[in-house]
PDB file of N, CA and C in Angstrom:
ATOM      1  N   MET A   1      -1.984  -7.753  -1.987  1.00  0.00           N
ATOM      2  CA  MET A   1      -1.287  -7.103  -0.880  1.00  0.00           C
ATOM      3  C   MET A   1      -1.273  -5.595  -1.125  1.00  0.00           C
ATOM      4  N   ASN A   2      -1.624  -4.827  -0.110  1.00  0.00           N
ATOM      5  CA  ASN A   2      -1.627  -3.372  -0.226  1.00  0.00           C
ATOM      6  C   ASN A   2      -0.219  -2.814  -0.347  1.00  0.00           C
ATOM      7  N   LYS A   3      -0.107  -1.776  -1.156  1.00  0.00           N
ATOM      8  CA  LYS A   3       1.160  -1.071  -1.290  1.00  0.00           C
ATOM      9  C   LYS A   3       1.305  -0.122  -0.105  1.00  0.00           C
ATOM     10  N   VAL A   4       2.532   0.012   0.394  1.00  0.00           N
ATOM     11  CA  VAL A   4       2.840   0.938   1.482  1.00  0.00           C
ATOM     12  C   VAL A   4       3.482   2.186   0.877  1.00  0.00           C
ATOM     13  N   PHE A   5       2.967   3.345   1.251  1.00  0.00           N
ATOM     14  CA  PHE A   5       3.525   4.617   0.805  1.00  0.00           C
ATOM     15  C   PHE A   5       4.141   5.318   2.008  1.00  0.00           C
ATOM     16  N   GLN A   6       5.457   5.509   1.969  1.00  0.00           N
ATOM     17  CA  GLN A   6       6.168   6.223   3.025  1.00  0.00           C
ATOM     18  C   GLN A   6       6.057   7.716   2.726  1.00  0.00           C
ATOM     19  N   LEU A   7       5.502   8.496   3.657  1.00  0.00           N
ATOM     20  CA  LEU A   7       5.387   9.943   3.480  1.00  0.00           C
ATOM     21  C   LEU A   7       6.535  10.595   4.233  1.00  0.00           C
ATOM     22  N   ALA A   8       7.549  10.996   3.482  1.00  0.00           N
ATOM     23  CA  ALA A   8       8.776  11.521   4.081  1.00  0.00           C
ATOM     24  C   ALA A   8       8.955  12.987   3.713  1.00  0.00           C
ATOM     25  N   LYS A   9       9.757  13.673   4.500  1.00  0.00           N
ATOM     26  CA  LYS A   9      10.085  15.063   4.180  1.00  0.00           C
ATOM     27  C   LYS A   9      11.100  15.078   3.034  1.00  0.00           C
ATOM     28  N   PHE A  10      12.135  14.285   3.166  1.00  0.00           N
ATOM     29  CA  PHE A  10      13.172  14.137   2.149  1.00  0.00           C
ATOM     30  C   PHE A  10      13.556  12.672   2.040  1.00  0.00           C
ATOM     31  N   TYR A  11      14.374  12.348   1.038  1.00  0.00           N
ATOM     32  CA  TYR A  11      14.856  10.986   0.831  1.00  0.00           C
ATOM     33  C   TYR A  11      16.297  11.093   0.345  1.00  0.00           C
ATOM     34  N   PRO A  12      17.149  10.123   0.693  1.00  0.00           N
ATOM     35  CA  PRO A  12      18.541  10.200   0.236  1.00  0.00           C
ATOM     36  C   PRO A  12      18.601  10.463  -1.270  1.00  0.00           C
ATOM     37  N   PRO A  13      19.532  11.321  -1.660  1.00  0.00           N
ATOM     38  CA  PRO A  13      20.812  11.597  -1.037  1.00  0.00           C
ATOM     39  C   PRO A  13      20.782  12.628   0.083  1.00  0.00           C
ATOM     40  N   TYR A  14      19.606  13.195   0.435  1.00  0.00           N
ATOM     41  CA  TYR A  14      19.558  14.056   1.615  1.00  0.00           C
ATOM     42  C   TYR A  14      20.063  13.269   2.805  1.00  0.00           C
ATOM     43  N   ARG A  15      20.835  13.931   3.646  1.00  0.00           N
ATOM     44  CA  ARG A  15      21.402  13.261   4.813  1.00  0.00           C
ATOM     45  C   ARG A  15      20.620  13.639   6.053  1.00  0.00           C
ATOM     46  N   GLY A  16      20.377  12.647   6.884  1.00  0.00           N
ATOM     47  CA  GLY A  16      19.694  12.892   8.136  1.00  0.00           C
ATOM     48  C   GLY A  16      19.167  11.587   8.691  1.00  0.00           C
ATOM     49  N   GLY A  17      18.842  11.612   9.968  1.00  0.00           N
ATOM     50  CA  GLY A  17      18.377  10.402  10.630  1.00  0.00           C
ATOM     51  C   GLY A  17      17.063   9.884  10.077  1.00  0.00           C
ATOM     52  N   MET A  18      16.092  10.786   9.894  1.00  0.00           N
ATOM     53  CA  MET A  18      14.800  10.356   9.377  1.00  0.00           C
ATOM     54  C   MET A  18      14.943   9.849   7.943  1.00  0.00           C
ATOM     55  N   GLU A  19      15.741  10.530   7.150  1.00  0.00           N
ATOM     56  CA  GLU A  19      15.949  10.119   5.758  1.00  0.00           C
ATOM     57  C   GLU A  19      16.589   8.735   5.688  1.00  0.00           C
ATOM     58  N   SER A  20      17.586   8.494   6.520  1.00  0.00           N
ATOM     59  CA  SER A  20      18.243   7.177   6.548  1.00  0.00           C
ATOM     60  C   SER A  20      17.275   6.093   7.002  1.00  0.00           C
ATOM     61  N   PHE A  21      16.480   6.398   8.018  1.00  0.00           N
ATOM     62  CA  PHE A  21      15.513   5.431   8.533  1.00  0.00           C
ATOM     63  C   PHE A  21      14.488   5.064   7.461  1.00  0.00           C
ATOM     64  N   VAL A  22      13.934   6.065   6.789  1.00  0.00           N
ATOM     65  CA  VAL A  22      12.924   5.804   5.758  1.00  0.00           C
ATOM     66  C   VAL A  22      13.534   4.981   4.626  1.00  0.00           C
ATOM     67  N   ALA A  23      14.756   5.292   4.225  1.00  0.00           N
ATOM     68  CA  ALA A  23      15.404   4.528   3.155  1.00  0.00           C
ATOM     69  C   ALA A  23      15.637   3.077   3.571  1.00  0.00           C
ATOM     70  N   GLU A  24      16.178   2.860   4.766  1.00  0.00           N
ATOM     71  CA  GLU A  24      16.441   1.491   5.228  1.00  0.00           C
ATOM     72  C   GLU A  24      15.146   0.701   5.394  1.00  0.00           C
ATOM     73  N   LEU A  25      14.135   1.337   5.948  1.00  0.00           N
ATOM     74  CA  LEU A  25      12.840   0.677   6.125  1.00  0.00           C
ATOM     75  C   LEU A  25      12.229   0.331   4.769  1.00  0.00           C
ATOM     76  N   SER A  26      12.244   1.275   3.843  1.00  0.00           N
ATOM     77  CA  SER A  26      11.661   1.049   2.520  1.00  0.00           C
ATOM     78  C   SER A  26      12.373  -0.081   1.779  1.00  0.00           C
ATOM     79  N   GLU A  27      13.694  -0.078   1.825  1.00  0.00           N
ATOM     80  CA  GLU A  27      14.455  -1.132   1.152  1.00  0.00           C
ATOM     81  C   GLU A  27      14.196  -2.488   1.795  1.00  0.00           C
ATOM     82  N   GLY A  28      14.100  -2.528   3.122  1.00  0.00           N
ATOM     83  CA  GLY A  28      13.835  -3.787   3.816  1.00  0.00           C
ATOM     84  C   GLY A  28      12.445  -4.321   3.538  1.00  0.00           C
ATOM     85  N   VAL A  29      11.451  -3.445   3.549  1.00  0.00           N
ATOM     86  CA  VAL A  29      10.076  -3.858   3.268  1.00  0.00           C
ATOM     87  C   VAL A  29       9.970  -4.355   1.831  1.00  0.00           C
ATOM     88  N   SER A  30      10.610  -3.649   0.909  1.00  0.00           N
ATOM     89  CA  SER A  30      10.602  -4.056  -0.494  1.00  0.00           C
ATOM     90  C   SER A  30      11.277  -5.412  -0.680  1.00  0.00           C
ATOM     91  N   ALA A  31      12.411  -5.615  -0.010  1.00  0.00           N
ATOM     92  CA  ALA A  31      13.141  -6.885  -0.105  1.00  0.00           C
ATOM     93  C   ALA A  31      12.323  -8.048   0.456  1.00  0.00           C
ATOM     94  N   ALA A  32      11.419  -7.744   1.387  1.00  0.00           N
ATOM     95  CA  ALA A  32      10.554  -8.776   1.978  1.00  0.00           C
ATOM     96  C   ALA A  32       9.350  -9.075   1.084  1.00  0.00           C
ATOM     97  N   GLY A  33       9.253  -8.379  -0.040  1.00  0.00           N
ATOM     98  CA  GLY A  33       8.189  -8.667  -0.985  1.00  0.00           C
ATOM     99  C   GLY A  33       6.950  -7.796  -0.860  1.00  0.00           C
ATOM    100  N   VAL A  34       7.004  -6.781  -0.005  1.00  0.00           N
ATOM    101  CA  VAL A  34       5.863  -5.874   0.148  1.00  0.00           C
ATOM    102  C   VAL A  34       6.102  -4.676  -0.770  1.00  0.00           C
ATOM    103  N   PRO A  35       5.137  -4.356  -1.641  1.00  0.00           N
ATOM    104  CA  PRO A  35       5.334  -3.197  -2.507  1.00  0.00           C
ATOM    105  C   PRO A  35       5.381  -1.911  -1.697  1.00  0.00           C
ATOM    106  N   VAL A  36       6.386  -1.089  -1.947  1.00  0.00           N
ATOM    107  CA  VAL A  36       6.568   0.153  -1.194  1.00  0.00           C
ATOM    108  C   VAL A  36       7.036   1.261  -2.133  1.00  0.00           C
ATOM    109  N   GLU A  37       6.510   2.459  -1.910  1.00  0.00           N
ATOM    110  CA  GLU A  37       6.952   3.646  -2.627  1.00  0.00           C
ATOM    111  C   GLU A  37       7.086   4.774  -1.621  1.00  0.00           C
ATOM    112  N   VAL A  38       7.861   5.786  -1.974  1.00  0.00           N
ATOM    113  CA  VAL A  38       8.106   6.919  -1.087  1.00  0.00           C
ATOM    114  C   VAL A  38       7.620   8.191  -1.768  1.00  0.00           C
ATOM    115  N   ILE A  39       6.988   9.057  -0.981  1.00  0.00           N
ATOM    116  CA  ILE A  39       6.629  10.396  -1.440  1.00  0.00           C
ATOM    117  C   ILE A  39       7.438  11.372  -0.589  1.00  0.00           C
ATOM    118  N   ALA A  40       8.237  12.215  -1.255  1.00  0.00           N
ATOM    119  CA  ALA A  40       9.126  13.134  -0.538  1.00  0.00           C
ATOM    120  C   ALA A  40       9.232  14.449  -1.292  1.00  0.00           C
ATOM    121  N   SER A  41       9.805  15.438  -0.648  1.00  0.00           N
ATOM    122  CA  SER A  41      10.041  16.741  -1.260  1.00  0.00           C
ATOM    123  C   SER A  41      11.285  16.676  -2.134  1.00  0.00           C
ATOM    124  N   SER A  42      11.273  17.456  -3.191  1.00  0.00           N
ATOM    125  CA  SER A  42      12.410  17.531  -4.103  1.00  0.00           C
ATOM    126  C   SER A  42      13.211  18.802  -3.851  1.00  0.00           C
ATOM    127  N   ALA A  43      14.438  18.803  -4.273  1.00  0.00           N
ATOM    128  CA  ALA A  43      15.253  20.012  -4.220  1.00  0.00           C
ATOM    129  C   ALA A  43      14.921  20.915  -5.407  1.00  0.00           C
ATOM    130  N   ALA A  44      14.360  20.310  -6.463  1.00  0.00           N
ATOM    131  CA  ALA A  44      14.022  21.047  -7.682  1.00  0.00           C
ATOM    132  C   ALA A  44      12.578  21.533  -7.642  1.00  0.00           C
ATOM    133  N   ARG A  45      12.243  22.425  -8.538  1.00  0.00           N
ATOM    134  CA  ARG A  45      10.885  22.961  -8.597  1.00  0.00           C
ATOM    135  C   ARG A  45       9.928  21.983  -9.294  1.00  0.00           C
ATOM    136  N   GLU A  46      10.450  21.108 -10.113  1.00  0.00           N
ATOM    137  CA  GLU A  46       9.623  20.170 -10.861  1.00  0.00           C
ATOM    138  C   GLU A  46       9.471  18.856 -10.097  1.00  0.00           C
ATOM    139  N   ASP A  47       8.329  18.193 -10.321  1.00  0.00           N
ATOM    140  CA  ASP A  47       8.138  16.854  -9.783  1.00  0.00           C
ATOM    141  C   ASP A  47       9.072  15.898 -10.512  1.00  0.00           C
ATOM    142  N   ALA A  48       9.435  14.814  -9.851  1.00  0.00           N
ATOM    143  CA  ALA A  48      10.302  13.820 -10.467  1.00  0.00           C
ATOM    144  C   ALA A  48      10.002  12.458  -9.862  1.00  0.00           C
ATOM    145  N   GLU A  49      10.384  11.427 -10.587  1.00  0.00           N
ATOM    146  CA  GLU A  49      10.332  10.059 -10.068  1.00  0.00           C
ATOM    147  C   GLU A  49      11.679   9.428 -10.332  1.00  0.00           C
ATOM    148  N   ARG A  50      12.132   8.648  -9.370  1.00  0.00           N
ATOM    149  CA  ARG A  50      13.387   7.915  -9.545  1.00  0.00           C
ATOM    150  C   ARG A  50      13.296   6.621  -8.759  1.00  0.00           C
ATOM    151  N   VAL A  51      14.186   5.715  -9.057  1.00  0.00           N
ATOM    152  CA  VAL A  51      14.253   4.457  -8.322  1.00  0.00           C
ATOM    153  C   VAL A  51      15.608   4.415  -7.628  1.00  0.00           C
ATOM    154  N   VAL A  52      15.571   4.217  -6.307  1.00  0.00           N
ATOM    155  CA  VAL A  52      16.789   4.168  -5.504  1.00  0.00           C
ATOM    156  C   VAL A  52      16.831   2.815  -4.804  1.00  0.00           C
ATOM    157  N   ASN A  53      17.809   1.998  -5.133  1.00  0.00           N
ATOM    158  CA  ASN A  53      17.964   0.666  -4.533  1.00  0.00           C
ATOM    159  C   ASN A  53      16.656  -0.119  -4.557  1.00  0.00           C
ATOM    160  N   GLY A  54      15.969  -0.072  -5.697  1.00  0.00           N
ATOM    161  CA  GLY A  54      14.738  -0.832  -5.867  1.00  0.00           C
ATOM    162  C   GLY A  54      13.489  -0.177  -5.316  1.00  0.00           C
ATOM    163  N   VAL A  55      13.588   1.029  -4.761  1.00  0.00           N
ATOM    164  CA  VAL A  55      12.436   1.731  -4.188  1.00  0.00           C
ATOM    165  C   VAL A  55      12.061   2.904  -5.091  1.00  0.00           C
ATOM    166  N   LYS A  56      10.785   2.937  -5.519  1.00  0.00           N
ATOM    167  CA  LYS A  56      10.310   4.048  -6.335  1.00  0.00           C
ATOM    168  C   LYS A  56      10.062   5.250  -5.436  1.00  0.00           C
ATOM    169  N   VAL A  57      10.658   6.390  -5.810  1.00  0.00           N
ATOM    170  CA  VAL A  57      10.550   7.617  -5.029  1.00  0.00           C
ATOM    171  C   VAL A  57       9.872   8.684  -5.885  1.00  0.00           C
ATOM    172  N   HIS A  58       8.740   9.189  -5.401  1.00  0.00           N
ATOM    173  CA  HIS A  58       8.028  10.293  -6.037  1.00  0.00           C
ATOM    174  C   HIS A  58       8.472  11.567  -5.331  1.00  0.00           C
ATOM    175  N   GLU A  59       9.028  12.503  -6.086  1.00  0.00           N
ATOM    176  CA  GLU A  59       9.511  13.745  -5.489  1.00  0.00           C
ATOM    177  C   GLU A  59       8.614  14.901  -5.924  1.00  0.00           C
ATOM    178  N   ALA A  60       8.036  15.574  -4.934  1.00  0.00           N
ATOM    179  CA  ALA A  60       7.182  16.730  -5.188  1.00  0.00           C
ATOM    180  C   ALA A  60       8.048  17.972  -5.320  1.00  0.00           C
ATOM    181  N   GLY A  61       7.858  18.699  -6.407  1.00  0.00           N
ATOM    182  CA  GLY A  61       8.646  19.910  -6.648  1.00  0.00           C
ATOM    183  C   GLY A  61       8.457  20.939  -5.547  1.00  0.00           C
ATOM    184  N   ARG A  62       9.574  21.505  -5.106  1.00  0.00           N
ATOM    185  CA  ARG A  62       9.562  22.482  -4.011  1.00  0.00           C
ATOM    186  C   ARG A  62       9.479  23.890  -4.583  1.00  0.00           C
ATOM    187  N   TRP A  63       8.457  24.622  -4.150  1.00  0.00           N
ATOM    188  CA  TRP A  63       8.290  26.003  -4.603  1.00  0.00           C
ATOM    189  C   TRP A  63       8.996  26.975  -3.683  1.00  0.00           C
ATOM    190  N   ALA A  64       9.087  26.626  -2.408  1.00  0.00           N
ATOM    191  CA  ALA A  64       9.715  27.501  -1.418  1.00  0.00           C
ATOM    192  C   ALA A  64       9.939  26.686  -0.149  1.00  0.00           C
ATOM    193  N   SER A  65      10.565  27.307   0.839  1.00  0.00           N
ATOM    194  CA  SER A  65      10.713  26.709   2.165  1.00  0.00           C
ATOM    195  C   SER A  65      10.372  27.775   3.194  1.00  0.00           C
ATOM    196  N   ILE A  66       9.594  27.380   4.194  1.00  0.00           N
ATOM    197  CA  ILE A  66       9.244  28.282   5.286  1.00  0.00           C
ATOM    198  C   ILE A  66       9.570  27.570   6.588  1.00  0.00           C
ATOM    199  N   LEU A  67      10.437  28.173   7.413  1.00  0.00           N
ATOM    200  CA  LEU A  67      10.861  27.576   8.686  1.00  0.00           C
ATOM    201  C   LEU A  67      11.339  26.130   8.492  1.00  0.00           C
ATOM    202  N   SER A  68      12.182  25.919   7.509  1.00  0.00           N
ATOM    203  CA  SER A  68      12.764  24.612   7.173  1.00  0.00           C
ATOM    204  C   SER A  68      11.746  23.619   6.616  1.00  0.00           C
ATOM    205  N   GLN A  69      10.521  24.064   6.348  1.00  0.00           N
ATOM    206  CA  GLN A  69       9.501  23.184   5.792  1.00  0.00           C
ATOM    207  C   GLN A  69       9.373  23.450   4.296  1.00  0.00           C
ATOM    208  N   PRO A  70       9.643  22.430   3.459  1.00  0.00           N
ATOM    209  CA  PRO A  70       9.451  22.630   2.027  1.00  0.00           C
ATOM    210  C   PRO A  70       7.968  22.808   1.705  1.00  0.00           C
ATOM    211  N   ILE A  71       7.677  23.710   0.780  1.00  0.00           N
ATOM    212  CA  ILE A  71       6.318  23.945   0.317  1.00  0.00           C
ATOM    213  C   ILE A  71       6.205  23.304  -1.072  1.00  0.00           C
ATOM    214  N   CYS A  72       5.464  22.220  -1.125  1.00  0.00           N
ATOM    215  CA  CYS A  72       5.358  21.414  -2.340  1.00  0.00           C
ATOM    216  C   CYS A  72       3.887  21.136  -2.644  1.00  0.00           C
ATOM    217  N   PRO A  73       3.231  21.977  -3.441  1.00  0.00           N
ATOM    218  CA  PRO A  73       1.810  21.797  -3.706  1.00  0.00           C
ATOM    219  C   PRO A  73       1.445  20.421  -4.273  1.00  0.00           C
ATOM    220  N   SER A  74       2.289  19.838  -5.104  1.00  0.00           N
ATOM    221  CA  SER A  74       1.949  18.538  -5.704  1.00  0.00           C
ATOM    222  C   SER A  74       2.035  17.376  -4.708  1.00  0.00           C
ATOM    223  N   TYR A  75       2.624  17.607  -3.532  1.00  0.00           N
ATOM    224  CA  TYR A  75       2.690  16.579  -2.486  1.00  0.00           C
ATOM    225  C   TYR A  75       1.278  16.103  -2.148  1.00  0.00           C
ATOM    226  N   PHE A  76       0.317  17.057  -2.106  1.00  0.00           N
ATOM    227  CA  PHE A  76      -1.065  16.727  -1.771  1.00  0.00           C
ATOM    228  C   PHE A  76      -1.682  15.787  -2.804  1.00  0.00           C
ATOM    229  N   LYS A  77      -1.446  16.082  -4.072  1.00  0.00           N
ATOM    230  CA  LYS A  77      -1.971  15.242  -5.157  1.00  0.00           C
ATOM    231  C   LYS A  77      -1.354  13.841  -5.096  1.00  0.00           C
ATOM    232  N   MET A  78      -0.068  13.774  -4.814  1.00  0.00           N
ATOM    233  CA  MET A  78       0.610  12.474  -4.735  1.00  0.00           C
ATOM    234  C   MET A  78       0.064  11.633  -3.590  1.00  0.00           C
ATOM    235  N   VAL A  79      -0.162  12.258  -2.432  1.00  0.00           N
ATOM    236  CA  VAL A  79      -0.684  11.526  -1.280  1.00  0.00           C
ATOM    237  C   VAL A  79      -2.119  11.077  -1.543  1.00  0.00           C
ATOM    238  N   LYS A  80      -2.904  11.930  -2.168  1.00  0.00           N
ATOM    239  CA  LYS A  80      -4.289  11.551  -2.487  1.00  0.00           C
ATOM    240  C   LYS A  80      -4.300  10.334  -3.403  1.00  0.00           C
ATOM    241  N   ALA A  81      -3.432  10.311  -4.398  1.00  0.00           N
ATOM    242  CA  ALA A  81      -3.355   9.168  -5.307  1.00  0.00           C
ATOM    243  C   ALA A  81      -2.900   7.907  -4.579  1.00  0.00           C
ATOM    244  N   ALA A  82      -2.133   8.073  -3.510  1.00  0.00           N
ATOM    245  CA  ALA A  82      -1.612   6.928  -2.755  1.00  0.00           C
ATOM    246  C   ALA A  82      -2.610   6.400  -1.725  1.00  0.00           C
ATOM    247  N   SER A  83      -3.733   7.084  -1.540  1.00  0.00           N
ATOM    248  CA  SER A  83      -4.647   6.715  -0.461  1.00  0.00           C
ATOM    249  C   SER A  83      -5.352   5.380  -0.682  1.00  0.00           C
ATOM    250  N   SER A  84      -5.080   4.728  -1.804  1.00  0.00           N
ATOM    251  CA  SER A  84      -5.620   3.379  -2.005  1.00  0.00           C
ATOM    252  C   SER A  84      -4.746   2.342  -1.302  1.00  0.00           C
ATOM    253  N   GLY A  85      -3.614   2.746  -0.780  1.00  0.00           N
ATOM    254  CA  GLY A  85      -2.709   1.845  -0.072  1.00  0.00           C
ATOM    255  C   GLY A  85      -2.646   2.176   1.404  1.00  0.00           C
ATOM    256  N   ILE A  86      -1.559   1.788   2.028  1.00  0.00           N
ATOM    257  CA  ILE A  86      -1.312   2.084   3.440  1.00  0.00           C
ATOM    258  C   ILE A  86      -0.348   3.263   3.493  1.00  0.00           C
ATOM    259  N   LEU A  87      -0.716   4.311   4.223  1.00  0.00           N
ATOM    260  CA  LEU A  87       0.156   5.477   4.348  1.00  0.00           C
ATOM    261  C   LEU A  87       0.965   5.367   5.632  1.00  0.00           C
ATOM    262  N   HIS A  88       2.280   5.525   5.517  1.00  0.00           N
ATOM    263  CA  HIS A  88       3.162   5.526   6.679  1.00  0.00           C
ATOM    264  C   HIS A  88       3.779   6.910   6.756  1.00  0.00           C
ATOM    265  N   LEU A  89       3.261   7.715   7.672  1.00  0.00           N
ATOM    266  CA  LEU A  89       3.683   9.096   7.835  1.00  0.00           C
ATOM    267  C   LEU A  89       4.845   9.169   8.820  1.00  0.00           C
ATOM    268  N   HIS A  90       5.893   9.871   8.434  1.00  0.00           N
ATOM    269  CA  HIS A  90       7.063  10.055   9.297  1.00  0.00           C
ATOM    270  C   HIS A  90       7.042  11.494   9.808  1.00  0.00           C
ATOM    271  N   ALA A  91       6.846  11.662  11.106  1.00  0.00           N
ATOM    272  CA  ALA A  91       6.647  12.975  11.722  1.00  0.00           C
ATOM    273  C   ALA A  91       7.847  13.346  12.588  1.00  0.00           C
ATOM    274  N   PRO A  92       8.124  14.631  12.753  1.00  0.00           N
ATOM    275  CA  PRO A  92       7.296  15.742  12.311  1.00  0.00           C
ATOM    276  C   PRO A  92       7.527  16.067  10.836  1.00  0.00           C
ATOM    277  N   ASN A  93       6.429  16.301  10.156  1.00  0.00           N
ATOM    278  CA  ASN A  93       6.446  16.652   8.745  1.00  0.00           C
ATOM    279  C   ASN A  93       5.114  17.332   8.436  1.00  0.00           C
ATOM    280  N   PRO A  94       5.015  18.645   8.649  1.00  0.00           N
ATOM    281  CA  PRO A  94       3.734  19.335   8.485  1.00  0.00           C
ATOM    282  C   PRO A  94       3.085  19.135   7.117  1.00  0.00           C
ATOM    283  N   MET A  95       3.878  19.053   6.056  1.00  0.00           N
ATOM    284  CA  MET A  95       3.309  18.853   4.720  1.00  0.00           C
ATOM    285  C   MET A  95       2.584  17.506   4.655  1.00  0.00           C
ATOM    286  N   ALA A  96       3.203  16.468   5.193  1.00  0.00           N
ATOM    287  CA  ALA A  96       2.571  15.141   5.194  1.00  0.00           C
ATOM    288  C   ALA A  96       1.366  15.120   6.120  1.00  0.00           C
ATOM    289  N   ASP A  97       1.456  15.816   7.257  1.00  0.00           N
ATOM    290  CA  ASP A  97       0.316  15.895   8.178  1.00  0.00           C
ATOM    291  C   ASP A  97      -0.901  16.473   7.470  1.00  0.00           C
ATOM    292  N   MET A  98      -0.699  17.594   6.780  1.00  0.00           N
ATOM    293  CA  MET A  98      -1.818  18.248   6.103  1.00  0.00           C
ATOM    294  C   MET A  98      -2.357  17.388   4.967  1.00  0.00           C
ATOM    295  N   ALA A  99      -1.461  16.771   4.203  1.00  0.00           N
ATOM    296  CA  ALA A  99      -1.893  15.924   3.085  1.00  0.00           C
ATOM    297  C   ALA A  99      -2.662  14.709   3.594  1.00  0.00           C
ATOM    298  N   ALA A 100      -2.181  14.091   4.659  1.00  0.00           N
ATOM    299  CA  ALA A 100      -2.848  12.906   5.206  1.00  0.00           C
ATOM    300  C   ALA A 100      -4.217  13.247   5.778  1.00  0.00           C
ATOM    301  N   ALA A 101      -4.382  14.481   6.259  1.00  0.00           N
ATOM    302  CA  ALA A 101      -5.682  14.898   6.799  1.00  0.00           C
ATOM    303  C   ALA A 101      -6.741  14.989   5.707  1.00  0.00           C
ATOM    304  N   LEU A 102      -6.330  15.046   4.454  1.00  0.00           N
ATOM    305  CA  LEU A 102      -7.264  15.189   3.348  1.00  0.00           C
ATOM    306  C   LEU A 102      -7.651  13.871   2.682  1.00  0.00           C
ATOM    307  N   VAL A 103      -7.052  12.759   3.094  1.00  0.00           N
ATOM    308  CA  VAL A 103      -7.401  11.471   2.485  1.00  0.00           C
ATOM    309  C   VAL A 103      -8.632  10.892   3.171  1.00  0.00           C
ATOM    310  N   PRO A 104      -9.322   9.955   2.524  1.00  0.00           N
ATOM    311  CA  PRO A 104     -10.508   9.358   3.145  1.00  0.00           C
ATOM    312  C   PRO A 104     -10.189   8.756   4.512  1.00  0.00           C
ATOM    313  N   ALA A 105     -11.125   8.875   5.439  1.00  0.00           N
ATOM    314  CA  ALA A 105     -10.928   8.403   6.818  1.00  0.00           C
ATOM    315  C   ALA A 105     -10.650   6.911   6.883  1.00  0.00           C
ATOM    316  N   LYS A 106     -11.114   6.154   5.908  1.00  0.00           N
ATOM    317  CA  LYS A 106     -10.918   4.695   5.929  1.00  0.00           C
ATOM    318  C   LYS A 106      -9.506   4.277   5.485  1.00  0.00           C
ATOM    319  N   THR A 107      -8.689   5.236   5.054  1.00  0.00           N
ATOM    320  CA  THR A 107      -7.332   4.922   4.601  1.00  0.00           C
ATOM    321  C   THR A 107      -6.486   4.458   5.777  1.00  0.00           C
ATOM    322  N   PRO A 108      -5.903   3.244   5.701  1.00  0.00           N
ATOM    323  CA  PRO A 108      -5.036   2.791   6.798  1.00  0.00           C
ATOM    324  C   PRO A 108      -3.789   3.677   6.886  1.00  0.00           C
ATOM    325  N   MET A 109      -3.429   4.029   8.120  1.00  0.00           N
ATOM    326  CA  MET A 109      -2.307   4.944   8.313  1.00  0.00           C
ATOM    327  C   MET A 109      -1.474   4.530   9.522  1.00  0.00           C
ATOM    328  N   ILE A 110      -0.174   4.641   9.355  1.00  0.00           N
ATOM    329  CA  ILE A 110       0.788   4.406  10.429  1.00  0.00           C
ATOM    330  C   ILE A 110       1.537   5.716  10.611  1.00  0.00           C
ATOM    331  N   VAL A 111       1.788   6.109  11.847  1.00  0.00           N
ATOM    332  CA  VAL A 111       2.569   7.320  12.107  1.00  0.00           C
ATOM    333  C   VAL A 111       3.761   6.938  12.977  1.00  0.00           C
ATOM    334  N   THR A 112       4.950   7.280  12.508  1.00  0.00           N
ATOM    335  CA  THR A 112       6.156   7.102  13.301  1.00  0.00           C
ATOM    336  C   THR A 112       6.663   8.484  13.675  1.00  0.00           C
ATOM    337  N   TYR A 113       6.711   8.746  14.982  1.00  0.00           N
ATOM    338  CA  TYR A 113       7.160  10.047  15.479  1.00  0.00           C
ATOM    339  C   TYR A 113       8.649   9.946  15.775  1.00  0.00           C
ATOM    340  N   HIS A 114       9.444  10.729  15.056  1.00  0.00           N
ATOM    341  CA  HIS A 114      10.901  10.611  15.136  1.00  0.00           C
ATOM    342  C   HIS A 114      11.547  11.532  16.155  1.00  0.00           C
ATOM    343  N   SER A 115      11.016  12.750  16.311  1.00  0.00           N
ATOM    344  CA  SER A 115      11.744  13.721  17.127  1.00  0.00           C
ATOM    345  C   SER A 115      10.888  14.952  17.374  1.00  0.00           C
ATOM    346  N   ASP A 116      11.103  15.590  18.515  1.00  0.00           N
ATOM    347  CA  ASP A 116      10.492  16.888  18.761  1.00  0.00           C
ATOM    348  C   ASP A 116      11.226  17.953  17.956  1.00  0.00           C
ATOM    349  N   VAL A 117      10.515  19.012  17.618  1.00  0.00           N
ATOM    350  CA  VAL A 117      11.142  20.162  16.978  1.00  0.00           C
ATOM    351  C   VAL A 117      11.767  20.977  18.098  1.00  0.00           C
ATOM    352  N   VAL A 118      13.098  21.094  18.095  1.00  0.00           N
ATOM    353  CA  VAL A 118      13.802  21.726  19.201  1.00  0.00           C
ATOM    354  C   VAL A 118      14.321  23.113  18.828  1.00  0.00           C
ATOM    355  N   ARG A 119      14.947  23.229  17.658  1.00  0.00           N
ATOM    356  CA  ARG A 119      15.605  24.487  17.297  1.00  0.00           C
ATOM    357  C   ARG A 119      14.634  25.608  16.940  1.00  0.00           C
ATOM    358  N   GLN A 120      13.549  25.285  16.257  1.00  0.00           N
ATOM    359  CA  GLN A 120      12.587  26.316  15.855  1.00  0.00           C
ATOM    360  C   GLN A 120      11.448  26.334  16.870  1.00  0.00           C
ATOM    361  N   LYS A 121      11.546  27.209  17.840  1.00  0.00           N
ATOM    362  CA  LYS A 121      10.577  27.264  18.943  1.00  0.00           C
ATOM    363  C   LYS A 121       9.151  27.515  18.445  1.00  0.00           C
ATOM    364  N   LEU A 122       8.969  28.448  17.506  1.00  0.00           N
ATOM    365  CA  LEU A 122       7.634  28.765  16.992  1.00  0.00           C
ATOM    366  C   LEU A 122       7.035  27.548  16.278  1.00  0.00           C
ATOM    367  N   THR A 123       7.824  26.921  15.425  1.00  0.00           N
ATOM    368  CA  THR A 123       7.348  25.734  14.714  1.00  0.00           C
ATOM    369  C   THR A 123       6.980  24.638  15.690  1.00  0.00           C
ATOM    370  N   GLY A 124       7.792  24.419  16.696  1.00  0.00           N
ATOM    371  CA  GLY A 124       7.507  23.408  17.700  1.00  0.00           C
ATOM    372  C   GLY A 124       6.198  23.644  18.392  1.00  0.00           C
ATOM    373  N   MET A 125       5.914  24.902  18.718  1.00  0.00           N
ATOM    374  CA  MET A 125       4.645  25.234  19.401  1.00  0.00           C
ATOM    375  C   MET A 125       3.464  25.004  18.456  1.00  0.00           C
ATOM    376  N   LEU A 126       3.624  25.338  17.174  1.00  0.00           N
ATOM    377  CA  LEU A 126       2.543  25.152  16.217  1.00  0.00           C
ATOM    378  C   LEU A 126       2.230  23.676  16.000  1.00  0.00           C
ATOM    379  N   LEU A 127       3.263  22.871  15.988  1.00  0.00           N
ATOM    380  CA  LEU A 127       3.049  21.427  15.778  1.00  0.00           C
ATOM    381  C   LEU A 127       2.403  20.815  17.016  1.00  0.00           C
TER     382      LEU A 127
END
């Protein structure tokens, strides 16, 4: 069975609708016996791994933030390593969009679109 990799912007304890959805989905998929891991941005500069309620979370170290978007160079390496599984991208998330564009075309991918960018007009237009 293929492993599912959730490509998230953040993961709890970050609070937010997308973060809660990804956590609940990941825990439910894992409980159903499907291997699942999450790739998300970290609050720290260093990469980290942790397990939250049975879900392995890979956190890419954040070097900076631009227009509320974390800049995490190692996110790309993590997504590339995950391309042997199924990628589930949670959008909008420009970092995940760019990383997913670099994986082999044959990589199975699911995209869940959560919300339009409303507050940052420039970012919304770019996306």
